[in-house]
Amino acid sequence: MVKTYHVKSGDKVVVNAGEFKKATATVASIIKKTDRVVLDFDMDSLTDVQKNKVDNRTRTVKKSQANPEGGLIPRGVSVHVSNVNKLQS
């Protein structure tokens, strides 16, 4: 069965539930396995608390040829696809 969603990559959306409620963002990608969307937030639409949560999203990576330094790298914020609504243009 093919999953279809009301948003696609590149769409402008508003988050309607969760810790990023009322924030606007752009859909960076869609994770079909878990029904989530990865968002790039418009930083001026976030409150100070929300900005802090977005800035602190990191992932620890071991040293490798692809990443010789290792350490922390930033990662996107993902929310469930039902928690976003497409903005009307």
PDB file of N, CA and C in Angstrom:
ATOM      1  N   MET A   1       0.843  -1.179   0.000  1.00  0.00           N
ATOM      2  CA  MET A   1       0.000   0.000   0.000  1.00  0.00           C
ATOM      3  C   MET A   1       0.893   1.250   0.000  1.00  0.00           C
ATOM      4  N   VAL A   2       0.619   2.171  -0.888  1.00  0.00           N
ATOM      5  CA  VAL A   2       1.384   3.398  -1.000  1.00  0.00           C
ATOM      6  C   VAL A   2       0.776   4.450  -0.079  1.00  0.00           C
ATOM      7  N   LYS A   3       1.635   5.083   0.727  1.00  0.00           N
ATOM      8  CA  LYS A   3       1.162   6.133   1.621  1.00  0.00           C
ATOM      9  C   LYS A   3       1.172   7.462   0.883  1.00  0.00           C
ATOM     10  N   THR A   4       0.133   8.233   1.069  1.00  0.00           N
ATOM     11  CA  THR A   4       0.076   9.579   0.513  1.00  0.00           C
ATOM     12  C   THR A   4      -0.197  10.554   1.655  1.00  0.00           C
ATOM     13  N   TYR A   5       0.352  11.754   1.518  1.00  0.00           N
ATOM     14  CA  TYR A   5       0.238  12.754   2.574  1.00  0.00           C
ATOM     15  C   TYR A   5      -0.297  14.058   1.998  1.00  0.00           C
ATOM     16  N   HIS A   6      -0.790  14.912   2.857  1.00  0.00           N
ATOM     17  CA  HIS A   6      -1.317  16.197   2.433  1.00  0.00           C
ATOM     18  C   HIS A   6      -0.228  17.248   2.258  1.00  0.00           C
ATOM     19  N   VAL A   7       1.008  16.918   2.591  1.00  0.00           N
ATOM     20  CA  VAL A   7       2.146  17.817   2.391  1.00  0.00           C
ATOM     21  C   VAL A   7       3.225  17.080   1.607  1.00  0.00           C
ATOM     22  N   LYS A   8       4.125  17.848   1.000  1.00  0.00           N
ATOM     23  CA  LYS A   8       5.254  17.261   0.296  1.00  0.00           C
ATOM     24  C   LYS A   8       6.483  18.117   0.567  1.00  0.00           C
ATOM     25  N   SER A   9       7.640  17.652   0.176  1.00  0.00           N
ATOM     26  CA  SER A   9       8.881  18.389   0.406  1.00  0.00           C
ATOM     27  C   SER A   9       8.807  19.758  -0.242  1.00  0.00           C
ATOM     28  N   GLY A  10       9.244  20.768   0.506  1.00  0.00           N
ATOM     29  CA  GLY A  10       9.233  22.131   0.000  1.00  0.00           C
ATOM     30  C   GLY A  10       8.001  22.933   0.361  1.00  0.00           C
ATOM     31  N   ASP A  11       6.968  22.291   0.885  1.00  0.00           N
ATOM     32  CA  ASP A  11       5.742  23.007   1.267  1.00  0.00           C
ATOM     33  C   ASP A  11       5.965  23.836   2.523  1.00  0.00           C
ATOM     34  N   LYS A  12       5.294  24.995   2.579  1.00  0.00           N
ATOM     35  CA  LYS A  12       5.258  25.809   3.790  1.00  0.00           C
ATOM     36  C   LYS A  12       4.129  25.274   4.664  1.00  0.00           C
ATOM     37  N   VAL A  13       4.433  25.018   5.940  1.00  0.00           N
ATOM     38  CA  VAL A  13       3.444  24.454   6.851  1.00  0.00           C
ATOM     39  C   VAL A  13       3.438  25.223   8.163  1.00  0.00           C
ATOM     40  N   VAL A  14       2.364  25.046   8.922  1.00  0.00           N
ATOM     41  CA  VAL A  14       2.273  25.550  10.288  1.00  0.00           C
ATOM     42  C   VAL A  14       2.031  24.348  11.189  1.00  0.00           C
ATOM     43  N   VAL A  15       2.730  24.315  12.321  1.00  0.00           N
ATOM     44  CA  VAL A  15       2.587  23.214  13.266  1.00  0.00           C
ATOM     45  C   VAL A  15       1.376  23.502  14.140  1.00  0.00           C
ATOM     46  N   ASN A  16       0.446  22.535  14.247  1.00  0.00           N
ATOM     47  CA  ASN A  16      -0.781  22.780  14.991  1.00  0.00           C
ATOM     48  C   ASN A  16      -0.847  22.043  16.322  1.00  0.00           C
ATOM     49  N   ALA A  17       0.185  21.294  16.686  1.00  0.00           N
ATOM     50  CA  ALA A  17       0.185  20.589  17.973  1.00  0.00           C
ATOM     51  C   ALA A  17       1.624  20.288  18.377  1.00  0.00           C
ATOM     52  N   GLY A  18       1.826  20.074  19.677  1.00  0.00           N
ATOM     53  CA  GLY A  18       3.140  19.697  20.163  1.00  0.00           C
ATOM     54  C   GLY A  18       3.940  20.883  20.658  1.00  0.00           C
ATOM     55  N   GLU A  19       5.239  20.654  20.878  1.00  0.00           N
ATOM     56  CA  GLU A  19       6.079  21.677  21.483  1.00  0.00           C
ATOM     57  C   GLU A  19       6.414  22.827  20.529  1.00  0.00           C
ATOM     58  N   PHE A  20       6.166  22.672  19.226  1.00  0.00           N
ATOM     59  CA  PHE A  20       6.426  23.734  18.258  1.00  0.00           C
ATOM     60  C   PHE A  20       5.128  24.315  17.697  1.00  0.00           C
ATOM     61  N   LYS A  21       4.065  24.288  18.503  1.00  0.00           N
ATOM     62  CA  LYS A  21       2.744  24.760  18.077  1.00  0.00           C
ATOM     63  C   LYS A  21       2.818  26.217  17.620  1.00  0.00           C
ATOM     64  N   LYS A  22       2.115  26.526  16.535  1.00  0.00           N
ATOM     65  CA  LYS A  22       1.990  27.855  15.932  1.00  0.00           C
ATOM     66  C   LYS A  22       3.245  28.313  15.200  1.00  0.00           C
ATOM     67  N   ALA A  23       4.258  27.472  15.062  1.00  0.00           N
ATOM     68  CA  ALA A  23       5.469  27.840  14.337  1.00  0.00           C
ATOM     69  C   ALA A  23       5.308  27.499  12.862  1.00  0.00           C
ATOM     70  N   THR A  24       5.880  28.345  12.002  1.00  0.00           N
ATOM     71  CA  THR A  24       5.855  28.057  10.573  1.00  0.00           C
ATOM     72  C   THR A  24       7.194  27.468  10.159  1.00  0.00           C
ATOM     73  N   ALA A  25       7.142  26.590   9.150  1.00  0.00           N
ATOM     74  CA  ALA A  25       8.349  25.893   8.721  1.00  0.00           C
ATOM     75  C   ALA A  25       8.193  25.438   7.274  1.00  0.00           C
ATOM     76  N   THR A  26       9.295  24.935   6.730  1.00  0.00           N
ATOM     77  CA  THR A  26       9.299  24.336   5.407  1.00  0.00           C
ATOM     78  C   THR A  26       9.607  22.858   5.565  1.00  0.00           C
ATOM     79  N   VAL A  27       8.907  22.006   4.831  1.00  0.00           N
ATOM     80  CA  VAL A  27       9.139  20.562   4.908  1.00  0.00           C
ATOM     81  C   VAL A  27      10.437  20.237   4.171  1.00  0.00           C
ATOM     82  N   ALA A  28      11.423  19.703   4.892  1.00  0.00           N
ATOM     83  CA  ALA A  28      12.698  19.325   4.290  1.00  0.00           C
ATOM     84  C   ALA A  28      12.608  17.938   3.672  1.00  0.00           C
ATOM     85  N   SER A  29      11.980  17.008   4.384  1.00  0.00           N
ATOM     86  CA  SER A  29      11.806  15.652   3.860  1.00  0.00           C
ATOM     87  C   SER A  29      10.677  14.970   4.610  1.00  0.00           C
ATOM     88  N   ILE A  30      10.267  13.820   4.080  1.00  0.00           N
ATOM     89  CA  ILE A  30       9.196  13.033   4.692  1.00  0.00           C
ATOM     90  C   ILE A  30       9.745  11.641   4.987  1.00  0.00           C
ATOM     91  N   ILE A  31       9.510  11.161   6.219  1.00  0.00           N
ATOM     92  CA  ILE A  31       9.927   9.819   6.622  1.00  0.00           C
ATOM     93  C   ILE A  31       8.674   8.955   6.606  1.00  0.00           C
ATOM     94  N   LYS A  32       8.507   8.185   5.541  1.00  0.00           N
ATOM     95  CA  LYS A  32       7.271   7.415   5.368  1.00  0.00           C
ATOM     96  C   LYS A  32       7.160   6.257   6.355  1.00  0.00           C
ATOM     97  N   LYS A  33       8.273   5.714   6.784  1.00  0.00           N
ATOM     98  CA  LYS A  33       8.244   4.568   7.692  1.00  0.00           C
ATOM     99  C   LYS A  33       7.569   4.908   9.016  1.00  0.00           C
ATOM    100  N   THR A  34       7.795   6.128   9.503  1.00  0.00           N
ATOM    101  CA  THR A  34       7.237   6.535  10.792  1.00  0.00           C
ATOM    102  C   THR A  34       6.182   7.633  10.673  1.00  0.00           C
ATOM    103  N   ASP A  35       5.802   8.006   9.448  1.00  0.00           N
ATOM    104  CA  ASP A  35       4.800   9.053   9.206  1.00  0.00           C
ATOM    105  C   ASP A  35       5.187  10.388   9.833  1.00  0.00           C
ATOM    106  N   ARG A  36       6.448  10.770   9.652  1.00  0.00           N
ATOM    107  CA  ARG A  36       6.937  12.026  10.212  1.00  0.00           C
ATOM    108  C   ARG A  36       7.482  12.916   9.106  1.00  0.00           C
ATOM    109  N   VAL A  37       7.520  14.224   9.371  1.00  0.00           N
ATOM    110  CA  VAL A  37       8.118  15.179   8.452  1.00  0.00           C
ATOM    111  C   VAL A  37       9.262  15.892   9.160  1.00  0.00           C
ATOM    112  N   VAL A  38      10.355  16.110   8.451  1.00  0.00           N
ATOM    113  CA  VAL A  38      11.496  16.852   8.975  1.00  0.00           C
ATOM    114  C   VAL A  38      11.307  18.294   8.544  1.00  0.00           C
ATOM    115  N   LEU A  39      11.423  19.223   9.497  1.00  0.00           N
ATOM    116  CA  LEU A  39      11.107  20.625   9.248  1.00  0.00           C
ATOM    117  C   LEU A  39      12.316  21.534   9.376  1.00  0.00           C
ATOM    118  N   ASP A  40      12.357  22.567   8.515  1.00  0.00           N
ATOM    119  CA  ASP A  40      13.285  23.690   8.642  1.00  0.00           C
ATOM    120  C   ASP A  40      12.449  24.875   9.087  1.00  0.00           C
ATOM    121  N   PHE A  41      12.640  25.319  10.325  1.00  0.00           N
ATOM    122  CA  PHE A  41      11.794  26.362  10.899  1.00  0.00           C
ATOM    123  C   PHE A  41      12.202  27.747  10.441  1.00  0.00           C
ATOM    124  N   ASP A  42      11.208  28.635  10.332  1.00  0.00           N
ATOM    125  CA  ASP A  42      11.435  30.060  10.169  1.00  0.00           C
ATOM    126  C   ASP A  42      11.710  30.580  11.583  1.00  0.00           C
ATOM    127  N   MET A  43      12.944  30.956  11.854  1.00  0.00           N
ATOM    128  CA  MET A  43      13.344  31.274  13.226  1.00  0.00           C
ATOM    129  C   MET A  43      12.581  32.459  13.815  1.00  0.00           C
ATOM    130  N   ASP A  44      12.103  33.391  12.987  1.00  0.00           N
ATOM    131  CA  ASP A  44      11.367  34.527  13.538  1.00  0.00           C
ATOM    132  C   ASP A  44       9.952  34.158  13.962  1.00  0.00           C
ATOM    133  N   SER A  45       9.474  32.964  13.603  1.00  0.00           N
ATOM    134  CA  SER A  45       8.136  32.549  14.034  1.00  0.00           C
ATOM    135  C   SER A  45       8.166  31.764  15.343  1.00  0.00           C
ATOM    136  N   LEU A  46       9.370  31.527  15.887  1.00  0.00           N
ATOM    137  CA  LEU A  46       9.507  30.726  17.103  1.00  0.00           C
ATOM    138  C   LEU A  46       9.620  31.611  18.336  1.00  0.00           C
ATOM    139  N   THR A  47       9.155  31.089  19.471  1.00  0.00           N
ATOM    140  CA  THR A  47       9.387  31.767  20.750  1.00  0.00           C
ATOM    141  C   THR A  47      10.804  31.463  21.201  1.00  0.00           C
ATOM    142  N   ASP A  48      11.257  32.121  22.254  1.00  0.00           N
ATOM    143  CA  ASP A  48      12.617  31.898  22.748  1.00  0.00           C
ATOM    144  C   ASP A  48      12.821  30.460  23.214  1.00  0.00           C
ATOM    145  N   VAL A  49      11.824  29.884  23.863  1.00  0.00           N
ATOM    146  CA  VAL A  49      11.917  28.502  24.339  1.00  0.00           C
ATOM    147  C   VAL A  49      12.012  27.545  23.154  1.00  0.00           C
ATOM    148  N   GLN A  50      11.200  27.784  22.124  1.00  0.00           N
ATOM    149  CA  GLN A  50      11.229  26.933  20.940  1.00  0.00           C
ATOM    150  C   GLN A  50      12.551  27.061  20.197  1.00  0.00           C
ATOM    151  N   LYS A  51      13.117  28.272  20.122  1.00  0.00           N
ATOM    152  CA  LYS A  51      14.411  28.474  19.464  1.00  0.00           C
ATOM    153  C   LYS A  51      15.488  27.665  20.167  1.00  0.00           C
ATOM    154  N   ASN A  52      15.454  27.649  21.485  1.00  0.00           N
ATOM    155  CA  ASN A  52      16.432  26.897  22.260  1.00  0.00           C
ATOM    156  C   ASN A  52      16.317  25.402  21.968  1.00  0.00           C
ATOM    157  N   LYS A  53      15.093  24.893  21.835  1.00  0.00           N
ATOM    158  CA  LYS A  53      14.891  23.470  21.546  1.00  0.00           C
ATOM    159  C   LYS A  53      15.374  23.111  20.144  1.00  0.00           C
ATOM    160  N   VAL A  54      15.174  23.997  19.172  1.00  0.00           N
ATOM    161  CA  VAL A  54      15.629  23.735  17.805  1.00  0.00           C
ATOM    162  C   VAL A  54      17.153  23.759  17.759  1.00  0.00           C
ATOM    163  N   ASP A  55      17.779  24.732  18.436  1.00  0.00           N
ATOM    164  CA  ASP A  55      19.232  24.863  18.409  1.00  0.00           C
ATOM    165  C   ASP A  55      19.936  23.699  19.091  1.00  0.00           C
ATOM    166  N   ASN A  56      19.282  23.055  20.045  1.00  0.00           N
ATOM    167  CA  ASN A  56      19.922  21.976  20.802  1.00  0.00           C
ATOM    168  C   ASN A  56      19.709  20.600  20.196  1.00  0.00           C
ATOM    169  N   ARG A  57      19.104  20.489  19.022  1.00  0.00           N
ATOM    170  CA  ARG A  57      18.896  19.191  18.384  1.00  0.00           C
ATOM    171  C   ARG A  57      20.191  18.763  17.711  1.00  0.00           C
ATOM    172  N   THR A  58      20.914  17.851  18.356  1.00  0.00           N
ATOM    173  CA  THR A  58      22.172  17.362  17.799  1.00  0.00           C
ATOM    174  C   THR A  58      22.216  15.848  17.872  1.00  0.00           C
ATOM    175  N   ARG A  59      23.177  15.293  17.174  1.00  0.00           N
ATOM    176  CA  ARG A  59      23.361  13.852  17.143  1.00  0.00           C
ATOM    177  C   ARG A  59      24.842  13.565  17.301  1.00  0.00           C
ATOM    178  N   THR A  60      25.188  12.564  18.099  1.00  0.00           N
ATOM    179  CA  THR A  60      26.577  12.192  18.301  1.00  0.00           C
ATOM    180  C   THR A  60      26.999  11.212  17.208  1.00  0.00           C
ATOM    181  N   VAL A  61      28.159  11.487  16.589  1.00  0.00           N
ATOM    182  CA  VAL A  61      28.639  10.662  15.489  1.00  0.00           C
ATOM    183  C   VAL A  61      30.058  10.195  15.807  1.00  0.00           C
ATOM    184  N   LYS A  62      30.295   8.891  15.583  1.00  0.00           N
ATOM    185  CA  LYS A  62      31.641   8.348  15.780  1.00  0.00           C
ATOM    186  C   LYS A  62      32.572   8.837  14.676  1.00  0.00           C
ATOM    187  N   LYS A  63      33.854   8.808  14.942  1.00  0.00           N
ATOM    188  CA  LYS A  63      34.836   9.172  13.920  1.00  0.00           C
ATOM    189  C   LYS A  63      34.781   8.151  12.792  1.00  0.00           C
ATOM    190  N   SER A  64      34.859   8.640  11.560  1.00  0.00           N
ATOM    191  CA  SER A  64      34.851   7.773  10.390  1.00  0.00           C
ATOM    192  C   SER A  64      35.528   8.523   9.246  1.00  0.00           C
ATOM    193  N   GLN A  65      35.653   7.861   8.104  1.00  0.00           N
ATOM    194  CA  GLN A  65      36.238   8.541   6.957  1.00  0.00           C
ATOM    195  C   GLN A  65      35.333   9.666   6.479  1.00  0.00           C
ATOM    196  N   ALA A  66      34.043   9.457   6.541  1.00  0.00           N
ATOM    197  CA  ALA A  66      33.105  10.484   6.121  1.00  0.00           C
ATOM    198  C   ALA A  66      33.087  11.669   7.083  1.00  0.00           C
ATOM    199  N   ASN A  67      33.314  11.407   8.368  1.00  0.00           N
ATOM    200  CA  ASN A  67      33.308  12.454   9.390  1.00  0.00           C
ATOM    201  C   ASN A  67      34.528  12.252  10.287  1.00  0.00           C
ATOM    202  N   PRO A  68      35.723  12.702   9.854  1.00  0.00           N
ATOM    203  CA  PRO A  68      36.954  12.420  10.599  1.00  0.00           C
ATOM    204  C   PRO A  68      37.020  13.061  11.981  1.00  0.00           C
ATOM    205  N   GLU A  69      36.276  14.133  12.190  1.00  0.00           N
ATOM    206  CA  GLU A  69      36.283  14.797  13.493  1.00  0.00           C
ATOM    207  C   GLU A  69      35.413  14.055  14.505  1.00  0.00           C
ATOM    208  N   GLY A  70      34.301  13.487  14.044  1.00  0.00           N
ATOM    209  CA  GLY A  70      33.350  12.894  14.970  1.00  0.00           C
ATOM    210  C   GLY A  70      32.639  13.990  15.748  1.00  0.00           C
ATOM    211  N   GLY A  71      32.025  13.645  16.853  1.00  0.00           N
ATOM    212  CA  GLY A  71      31.404  14.631  17.722  1.00  0.00           C
ATOM    213  C   GLY A  71      29.935  14.878  17.425  1.00  0.00           C
ATOM    214  N   LEU A  72      29.475  16.101  17.734  1.00  0.00           N
ATOM    215  CA  LEU A  72      28.067  16.459  17.600  1.00  0.00           C
ATOM    216  C   LEU A  72      27.806  17.129  16.260  1.00  0.00           C
ATOM    217  N   ILE A  73      26.739  16.700  15.587  1.00  0.00           N
ATOM    218  CA  ILE A  73      26.306  17.350  14.358  1.00  0.00           C
ATOM    219  C   ILE A  73      24.843  17.737  14.518  1.00  0.00           C
ATOM    220  N   PRO A  74      24.425  18.860  13.939  1.00  0.00           N
ATOM    221  CA  PRO A  74      23.013  19.254  14.062  1.00  0.00           C
ATOM    222  C   PRO A  74      22.121  18.328  13.253  1.00  0.00           C
ATOM    223  N   ARG A  75      20.889  18.164  13.724  1.00  0.00           N
ATOM    224  CA  ARG A  75      19.931  17.339  12.997  1.00  0.00           C
ATOM    225  C   ARG A  75      18.608  18.082  12.929  1.00  0.00           C
ATOM    226  N   GLY A  76      17.773  17.673  11.994  1.00  0.00           N
ATOM    227  CA  GLY A  76      16.486  18.323  11.806  1.00  0.00           C
ATOM    228  C   GLY A  76      15.483  17.928  12.871  1.00  0.00           C
ATOM    229  N   VAL A  77      14.467  18.753  13.004  1.00  0.00           N
ATOM    230  CA  VAL A  77      13.372  18.483  13.934  1.00  0.00           C
ATOM    231  C   VAL A  77      12.280  17.766  13.157  1.00  0.00           C
ATOM    232  N   SER A  78      11.803  16.637  13.695  1.00  0.00           N
ATOM    233  CA  SER A  78      10.732  15.923  13.017  1.00  0.00           C
ATOM    234  C   SER A  78       9.481  15.921  13.888  1.00  0.00           C
ATOM    235  N   VAL A  79       8.340  16.062  13.235  1.00  0.00           N
ATOM    236  CA  VAL A  79       7.047  15.985  13.909  1.00  0.00           C
ATOM    237  C   VAL A  79       6.150  15.065  13.095  1.00  0.00           C
ATOM    238  N   HIS A  80       5.109  14.533  13.713  1.00  0.00           N
ATOM    239  CA  HIS A  80       4.193  13.647  13.021  1.00  0.00           C
ATOM    240  C   HIS A  80       3.438  14.437  11.959  1.00  0.00           C
ATOM    241  N   VAL A  81       3.180  13.777  10.847  1.00  0.00           N
ATOM    242  CA  VAL A  81       2.559  14.450   9.711  1.00  0.00           C
ATOM    243  C   VAL A  81       1.158  14.983  10.052  1.00  0.00           C
ATOM    244  N   SER A  82       0.478  14.388  11.016  1.00  0.00           N
ATOM    245  CA  SER A  82      -0.857  14.881  11.390  1.00  0.00           C
ATOM    246  C   SER A  82      -0.793  16.168  12.197  1.00  0.00           C
ATOM    247  N   ASN A  83       0.392  16.561  12.647  1.00  0.00           N
ATOM    248  CA  ASN A  83       0.541  17.767  13.452  1.00  0.00           C
ATOM    249  C   ASN A  83       0.937  18.990  12.634  1.00  0.00           C
ATOM    250  N   VAL A  84       0.883  18.889  11.310  1.00  0.00           N
ATOM    251  CA  VAL A  84       1.184  20.050  10.456  1.00  0.00           C
ATOM    252  C   VAL A  84       0.039  20.279   9.473  1.00  0.00           C
ATOM    253  N   ASN A  85      -0.189  21.547   9.162  1.00  0.00           N
ATOM    254  CA  ASN A  85      -1.164  21.939   8.143  1.00  0.00           C
ATOM    255  C   ASN A  85      -0.464  22.780   7.096  1.00  0.00           C
ATOM    256  N   LYS A  86      -0.793  22.547   5.842  1.00  0.00           N
ATOM    257  CA  LYS A  86      -0.211  23.305   4.743  1.00  0.00           C
ATOM    258  C   LYS A  86      -0.737  24.730   4.782  1.00  0.00           C
ATOM    259  N   LEU A  87       0.169  25.706   4.606  1.00  0.00           N
ATOM    260  CA  LEU A  87      -0.245  27.104   4.557  1.00  0.00           C
ATOM    261  C   LEU A  87      -0.826  27.414   3.187  1.00  0.00           C
ATOM    262  N   GLN A  88      -1.886  28.178   3.172  1.00  0.00           N
ATOM    263  CA  GLN A  88      -2.501  28.593   1.911  1.00  0.00           C
ATOM    264  C   GLN A  88      -1.694  29.744   1.325  1.00  0.00           C
ATOM    265  N   SER A  89      -1.380  29.675   0.023  1.00  0.00           N
ATOM    266  CA  SER A  89      -0.600  30.753  -0.595  1.00  0.00           C
ATOM    267  C   SER A  89      -1.473  31.759  -1.295  1.00  0.00           C
TER     268      SER A  89
END
